[in-house]
C-alpha cells in the first residue's frame, strides 16, 4: 500500500522539481549572465531538462498504465496514479511553454 502511494505521488513530485529547477536556473542565468559564458547556454540546458522531465513522466505514466490491476484498492490507486502522471505531463509542458516563447532576460 505504501509503495503504491509513493508511486502515485512520484510524477507530481517530478513536475514540482522540474518547475523549481528550471525557473531558478533561468533566474540565475539572467542574474549572472550565464548565456554569454556557457557553451550550451541557458536555453539548451532548459530544453534538455524539459525533454528529460517529459520522458521520465511519460515512462511513469506508461508503467502505471501497464501495471494497473483490474479490481480493488490497487486498481483505484493505479488509475489515480495514471491520471496524475498525465496531468503532470501536461503541467510540465505548460510550465515549459513560456520559457520557449518569451525571452527570459529583458
N, C-alpha and C. Protein backbone atom coordinates (compact mmCIF):
# COMPACT_ATOMS: atom_id res chain seq x y z
N UNK A 1 0.82 -1.20 0.00
CA UNK A 1 0.00 0.00 0.00
C UNK A 1 0.87 1.26 0.00
N UNK A 2 1.91 1.26 0.84
CA UNK A 2 2.77 2.44 0.93
C UNK A 2 3.54 2.65 -0.38
N UNK A 3 3.94 1.55 -1.01
CA UNK A 3 4.64 1.66 -2.28
C UNK A 3 3.73 2.25 -3.36
N UNK A 4 2.46 1.89 -3.33
CA UNK A 4 1.50 2.43 -4.30
C UNK A 4 1.30 3.93 -4.09
N UNK A 5 1.24 4.35 -2.83
CA UNK A 5 1.10 5.78 -2.56
C UNK A 5 2.33 6.56 -3.01
N UNK A 6 3.50 5.96 -2.85
CA UNK A 6 4.72 6.59 -3.33
C UNK A 6 4.70 6.71 -4.85
N UNK A 7 4.26 5.67 -5.53
CA UNK A 7 4.19 5.68 -6.99
C UNK A 7 3.18 6.70 -7.50
N UNK A 8 2.11 6.91 -6.74
CA UNK A 8 1.09 7.88 -7.15
C UNK A 8 1.63 9.29 -7.09
N UNK A 9 2.45 9.59 -6.11
CA UNK A 9 2.94 10.96 -5.93
C UNK A 9 4.26 11.24 -6.63
N UNK A 10 4.82 10.26 -7.30
CA UNK A 10 6.13 10.45 -7.92
C UNK A 10 6.09 11.40 -9.12
N UNK A 11 5.13 11.27 -10.00
CA UNK A 11 5.05 12.15 -11.17
C UNK A 11 4.80 13.62 -10.79
N UNK A 12 3.87 13.92 -9.87
CA UNK A 12 3.74 15.32 -9.46
C UNK A 12 5.01 15.86 -8.78
N UNK A 13 5.73 15.00 -8.06
CA UNK A 13 6.98 15.44 -7.44
C UNK A 13 8.03 15.78 -8.50
N UNK A 14 8.07 15.02 -9.58
CA UNK A 14 9.00 15.32 -10.67
C UNK A 14 8.62 16.64 -11.32
N UNK A 15 7.34 16.88 -11.52
CA UNK A 15 6.90 18.16 -12.10
C UNK A 15 7.29 19.32 -11.20
N UNK A 16 7.08 19.20 -9.90
CA UNK A 16 7.43 20.27 -8.97
C UNK A 16 8.93 20.52 -8.99
N UNK A 17 9.71 19.46 -8.98
CA UNK A 17 11.16 19.60 -9.05
C UNK A 17 11.59 20.25 -10.35
N UNK A 18 10.98 19.85 -11.46
CA UNK A 18 11.27 20.47 -12.76
C UNK A 18 10.95 21.96 -12.72
N UNK A 19 9.79 22.30 -12.19
CA UNK A 19 9.36 23.70 -12.08
C UNK A 19 10.39 24.52 -11.32
N UNK A 20 10.81 24.03 -10.16
CA UNK A 20 11.77 24.76 -9.34
C UNK A 20 13.13 24.89 -10.01
N UNK A 21 13.65 23.80 -10.51
CA UNK A 21 14.99 23.80 -11.09
C UNK A 21 15.05 24.71 -12.32
N UNK A 22 14.07 24.60 -13.20
CA UNK A 22 14.11 25.37 -14.43
C UNK A 22 13.98 26.87 -14.16
N UNK A 23 13.05 27.26 -13.31
CA UNK A 23 12.88 28.69 -13.07
C UNK A 23 14.02 29.28 -12.25
N UNK A 24 14.57 28.53 -11.31
CA UNK A 24 15.74 29.02 -10.58
C UNK A 24 16.93 29.13 -11.52
N UNK A 25 17.08 28.16 -12.41
CA UNK A 25 18.16 28.21 -13.39
C UNK A 25 18.01 29.40 -14.32
N UNK A 26 16.79 29.68 -14.74
CA UNK A 26 16.54 30.86 -15.59
C UNK A 26 16.87 32.15 -14.85
N UNK A 27 16.45 32.25 -13.60
CA UNK A 27 16.72 33.46 -12.81
C UNK A 27 18.22 33.65 -12.61
N UNK A 28 18.92 32.58 -12.26
CA UNK A 28 20.36 32.68 -12.07
C UNK A 28 21.08 32.96 -13.39
N UNK A 29 20.57 32.41 -14.47
CA UNK A 29 21.15 32.68 -15.77
C UNK A 29 21.05 34.14 -16.15
N UNK A 30 19.92 34.75 -15.84
CA UNK A 30 19.76 36.18 -16.11
C UNK A 30 20.61 37.02 -15.16
N UNK A 31 20.63 36.64 -13.92
CA UNK A 31 21.35 37.42 -12.90
C UNK A 31 22.85 37.45 -13.17
N UNK A 32 23.42 36.29 -13.50
CA UNK A 32 24.87 36.19 -13.68
C UNK A 32 25.28 36.12 -15.15
N UNK A 33 24.35 36.41 -16.06
CA UNK A 33 24.60 36.42 -17.50
C UNK A 33 25.27 35.15 -17.98
N UNK A 34 24.69 34.02 -17.62
CA UNK A 34 25.26 32.73 -17.99
C UNK A 34 25.13 32.42 -19.47
N UNK A 35 24.22 33.07 -20.16
CA UNK A 35 24.06 32.81 -21.58
C UNK A 35 25.33 33.18 -22.36
N UNK A 36 26.03 34.16 -21.89
CA UNK A 36 27.23 34.60 -22.60
C UNK A 36 28.44 33.74 -22.27
N UNK A 37 28.46 33.14 -21.09
CA UNK A 37 29.64 32.41 -20.65
C UNK A 37 29.62 30.92 -20.94
N UNK A 38 28.46 30.33 -21.04
CA UNK A 38 28.38 28.89 -21.25
C UNK A 38 28.41 28.54 -22.73
N UNK A 39 28.95 27.39 -23.04
CA UNK A 39 28.95 26.93 -24.43
C UNK A 39 27.52 26.59 -24.85
N UNK A 40 26.83 25.86 -24.02
CA UNK A 40 25.48 25.42 -24.36
C UNK A 40 24.45 26.52 -24.13
N UNK A 41 24.65 27.33 -23.12
CA UNK A 41 23.70 28.38 -22.82
C UNK A 41 22.54 27.88 -21.99
N UNK A 42 21.80 28.82 -21.48
CA UNK A 42 20.65 28.50 -20.63
C UNK A 42 19.55 27.83 -21.44
N UNK A 43 19.31 28.30 -22.66
CA UNK A 43 18.22 27.75 -23.47
C UNK A 43 18.38 26.28 -23.78
N UNK A 44 19.59 25.86 -24.12
CA UNK A 44 19.82 24.45 -24.43
C UNK A 44 19.70 23.58 -23.18
N UNK A 45 20.18 24.09 -22.06
CA UNK A 45 20.08 23.35 -20.81
C UNK A 45 18.63 23.18 -20.39
N UNK A 46 17.86 24.24 -20.51
CA UNK A 46 16.44 24.16 -20.16
C UNK A 46 15.71 23.22 -21.12
N UNK A 47 16.07 23.24 -22.38
CA UNK A 47 15.46 22.32 -23.35
C UNK A 47 15.76 20.87 -22.98
N UNK A 48 17.00 20.61 -22.60
CA UNK A 48 17.37 19.24 -22.20
C UNK A 48 16.63 18.81 -20.95
N UNK A 49 16.51 19.71 -19.98
CA UNK A 49 15.76 19.39 -18.76
C UNK A 49 14.28 19.14 -19.06
N UNK A 50 13.72 19.90 -19.97
CA UNK A 50 12.32 19.73 -20.34
C UNK A 50 12.10 18.37 -20.99
N UNK A 51 12.96 18.04 -21.93
CA UNK A 51 12.82 16.74 -22.61
C UNK A 51 13.00 15.60 -21.62
N UNK A 52 13.97 15.72 -20.72
CA UNK A 52 14.19 14.69 -19.71
C UNK A 52 12.97 14.53 -18.80
N UNK A 53 12.41 15.63 -18.34
CA UNK A 53 11.24 15.57 -17.45
C UNK A 53 10.04 14.96 -18.18
N UNK A 54 9.83 15.32 -19.44
CA UNK A 54 8.71 14.77 -20.19
C UNK A 54 8.89 13.27 -20.39
N UNK A 55 10.09 12.84 -20.71
CA UNK A 55 10.34 11.41 -20.90
C UNK A 55 10.13 10.63 -19.61
N UNK A 56 10.65 11.15 -18.50
CA UNK A 56 10.51 10.44 -17.21
C UNK A 56 9.04 10.33 -16.80
N UNK A 57 8.29 11.41 -16.92
CA UNK A 57 6.87 11.37 -16.54
C UNK A 57 6.09 10.47 -17.50
N UNK A 58 6.43 10.49 -18.78
CA UNK A 58 5.74 9.61 -19.74
C UNK A 58 6.04 8.14 -19.44
N UNK A 59 7.27 7.84 -19.05
CA UNK A 59 7.61 6.45 -18.68
C UNK A 59 6.83 6.03 -17.45
N UNK A 60 6.72 6.90 -16.46
CA UNK A 60 5.92 6.58 -15.27
C UNK A 60 4.45 6.37 -15.63
N UNK A 61 3.93 7.18 -16.53
CA UNK A 61 2.53 7.01 -16.97
C UNK A 61 2.36 5.67 -17.66
N UNK A 62 3.29 5.32 -18.52
CA UNK A 62 3.21 4.03 -19.21
C UNK A 62 3.28 2.87 -18.22
N UNK A 63 4.18 2.96 -17.24
CA UNK A 63 4.29 1.89 -16.25
C UNK A 63 3.02 1.78 -15.41
N UNK A 64 2.44 2.92 -15.04
CA UNK A 64 1.19 2.87 -14.26
C UNK A 64 0.07 2.26 -15.09
N UNK A 65 0.04 2.55 -16.38
CA UNK A 65 -0.98 2.00 -17.26
C UNK A 65 -0.81 0.50 -17.40
N UNK A 66 0.42 0.01 -17.55
CA UNK A 66 0.68 -1.41 -17.76
C UNK A 66 0.49 -2.24 -16.49
N UNK A 67 0.80 -1.68 -15.33
CA UNK A 67 0.74 -2.44 -14.07
C UNK A 67 -0.57 -2.29 -13.33
N UNK A 68 -1.54 -1.65 -13.92
CA UNK A 68 -2.80 -1.40 -13.23
C UNK A 68 -3.61 -2.68 -13.07
N UNK A 69 -3.83 -3.14 -11.82
CA UNK A 69 -4.72 -4.28 -11.62
C UNK A 69 -6.16 -3.89 -11.94
N UNK A 70 -6.99 -4.86 -12.12
CA UNK A 70 -8.34 -4.60 -12.60
C UNK A 70 -9.40 -4.48 -11.51
N UNK A 71 -9.06 -4.75 -10.25
CA UNK A 71 -10.07 -4.65 -9.21
C UNK A 71 -9.44 -4.28 -7.87
N UNK A 72 -10.24 -3.73 -6.97
CA UNK A 72 -9.81 -3.43 -5.62
C UNK A 72 -9.18 -2.05 -5.46
N UNK A 73 -8.60 -1.87 -4.28
CA UNK A 73 -7.98 -0.59 -3.93
C UNK A 73 -6.78 -0.30 -4.82
N UNK A 74 -6.02 -1.33 -5.15
CA UNK A 74 -4.85 -1.13 -6.01
C UNK A 74 -5.27 -0.61 -7.39
N UNK A 75 -6.44 -1.04 -7.86
CA UNK A 75 -6.95 -0.56 -9.14
C UNK A 75 -7.23 0.94 -9.07
N UNK A 76 -7.86 1.37 -7.98
CA UNK A 76 -8.15 2.79 -7.80
C UNK A 76 -6.87 3.61 -7.75
N UNK A 77 -5.89 3.14 -6.97
CA UNK A 77 -4.62 3.85 -6.89
C UNK A 77 -3.88 3.84 -8.23
N UNK A 78 -4.00 2.76 -8.96
CA UNK A 78 -3.39 2.70 -10.29
C UNK A 78 -4.00 3.71 -11.24
N UNK A 79 -5.32 3.83 -11.21
CA UNK A 79 -5.99 4.79 -12.08
C UNK A 79 -5.66 6.23 -11.67
N UNK A 80 -5.67 6.48 -10.39
CA UNK A 80 -5.31 7.81 -9.90
C UNK A 80 -3.86 8.14 -10.25
N UNK A 81 -2.97 7.16 -10.09
CA UNK A 81 -1.57 7.36 -10.45
C UNK A 81 -1.40 7.67 -11.92
N UNK A 82 -2.13 6.95 -12.77
CA UNK A 82 -2.05 7.20 -14.21
C UNK A 82 -2.56 8.60 -14.54
N UNK A 83 -3.68 9.00 -13.96
CA UNK A 83 -4.22 10.33 -14.22
C UNK A 83 -3.32 11.43 -13.68
N UNK A 84 -2.68 11.20 -12.54
CA UNK A 84 -1.71 12.17 -12.03
C UNK A 84 -0.48 12.26 -12.93
N UNK A 85 -0.08 11.14 -13.50
CA UNK A 85 1.03 11.17 -14.45
C UNK A 85 0.66 11.99 -15.68
N UNK A 86 -0.54 11.79 -16.19
CA UNK A 86 -0.97 12.56 -17.35
C UNK A 86 -1.08 14.05 -17.04
N UNK A 87 -1.64 14.37 -15.89
CA UNK A 87 -1.75 15.79 -15.53
C UNK A 87 -0.37 16.39 -15.28
N UNK A 88 0.56 15.63 -14.74
CA UNK A 88 1.93 16.12 -14.54
C UNK A 88 2.63 16.32 -15.88
N UNK A 89 2.33 15.46 -16.84
CA UNK A 89 2.90 15.62 -18.17
C UNK A 89 2.41 16.91 -18.82
N UNK A 90 1.11 17.16 -18.72
CA UNK A 90 0.54 18.40 -19.26
C UNK A 90 1.10 19.60 -18.51
N UNK A 91 1.23 19.51 -17.20
CA UNK A 91 1.76 20.62 -16.40
C UNK A 91 3.21 20.91 -16.75
N UNK A 92 3.99 19.87 -17.01
CA UNK A 92 5.39 20.06 -17.40
C UNK A 92 5.48 20.80 -18.72
N UNK A 93 4.67 20.41 -19.67
CA UNK A 93 4.66 21.10 -20.97
C UNK A 93 4.17 22.54 -20.79
N UNK A 94 3.16 22.72 -19.97
CA UNK A 94 2.59 24.06 -19.73
C UNK A 94 3.61 24.98 -19.07
N UNK A 95 4.41 24.45 -18.15
CA UNK A 95 5.44 25.24 -17.48
C UNK A 95 6.56 25.59 -18.46
N UNK A 96 6.87 24.69 -19.36
CA UNK A 96 7.98 24.90 -20.30
C UNK A 96 7.63 25.87 -21.43
N UNK A 97 6.36 26.01 -21.76
CA UNK A 97 5.97 26.87 -22.87
C UNK A 97 6.44 28.31 -22.74
N UNK A 98 6.24 28.99 -21.61
CA UNK A 98 6.71 30.38 -21.52
C UNK A 98 8.22 30.51 -21.64
N UNK A 99 8.93 29.49 -21.24
CA UNK A 99 10.39 29.54 -21.31
C UNK A 99 10.84 29.60 -22.76
N UNK A 100 10.11 28.91 -23.63
CA UNK A 100 10.50 28.88 -25.04
C UNK A 100 9.86 30.01 -25.85
N UNK A 101 8.78 30.58 -25.36
CA UNK A 101 8.06 31.60 -26.13
C UNK A 101 8.41 33.03 -25.75
N UNK A 102 8.87 33.23 -24.52
CA UNK A 102 9.16 34.58 -24.02
C UNK A 102 10.64 34.64 -23.63
N UNK A 103 11.34 35.70 -24.04
CA UNK A 103 12.75 35.81 -23.62
C UNK A 103 12.86 35.92 -22.09
N UNK A 104 13.82 35.21 -21.54
CA UNK A 104 13.95 35.17 -20.09
C UNK A 104 14.51 36.47 -19.53
N UNK A 105 15.52 37.00 -20.15
CA UNK A 105 16.17 38.20 -19.64
C UNK A 105 15.79 39.40 -20.51
N UNK A 106 15.13 40.33 -19.92
CA UNK A 106 14.72 41.51 -20.69
C UNK A 106 15.49 42.72 -20.28
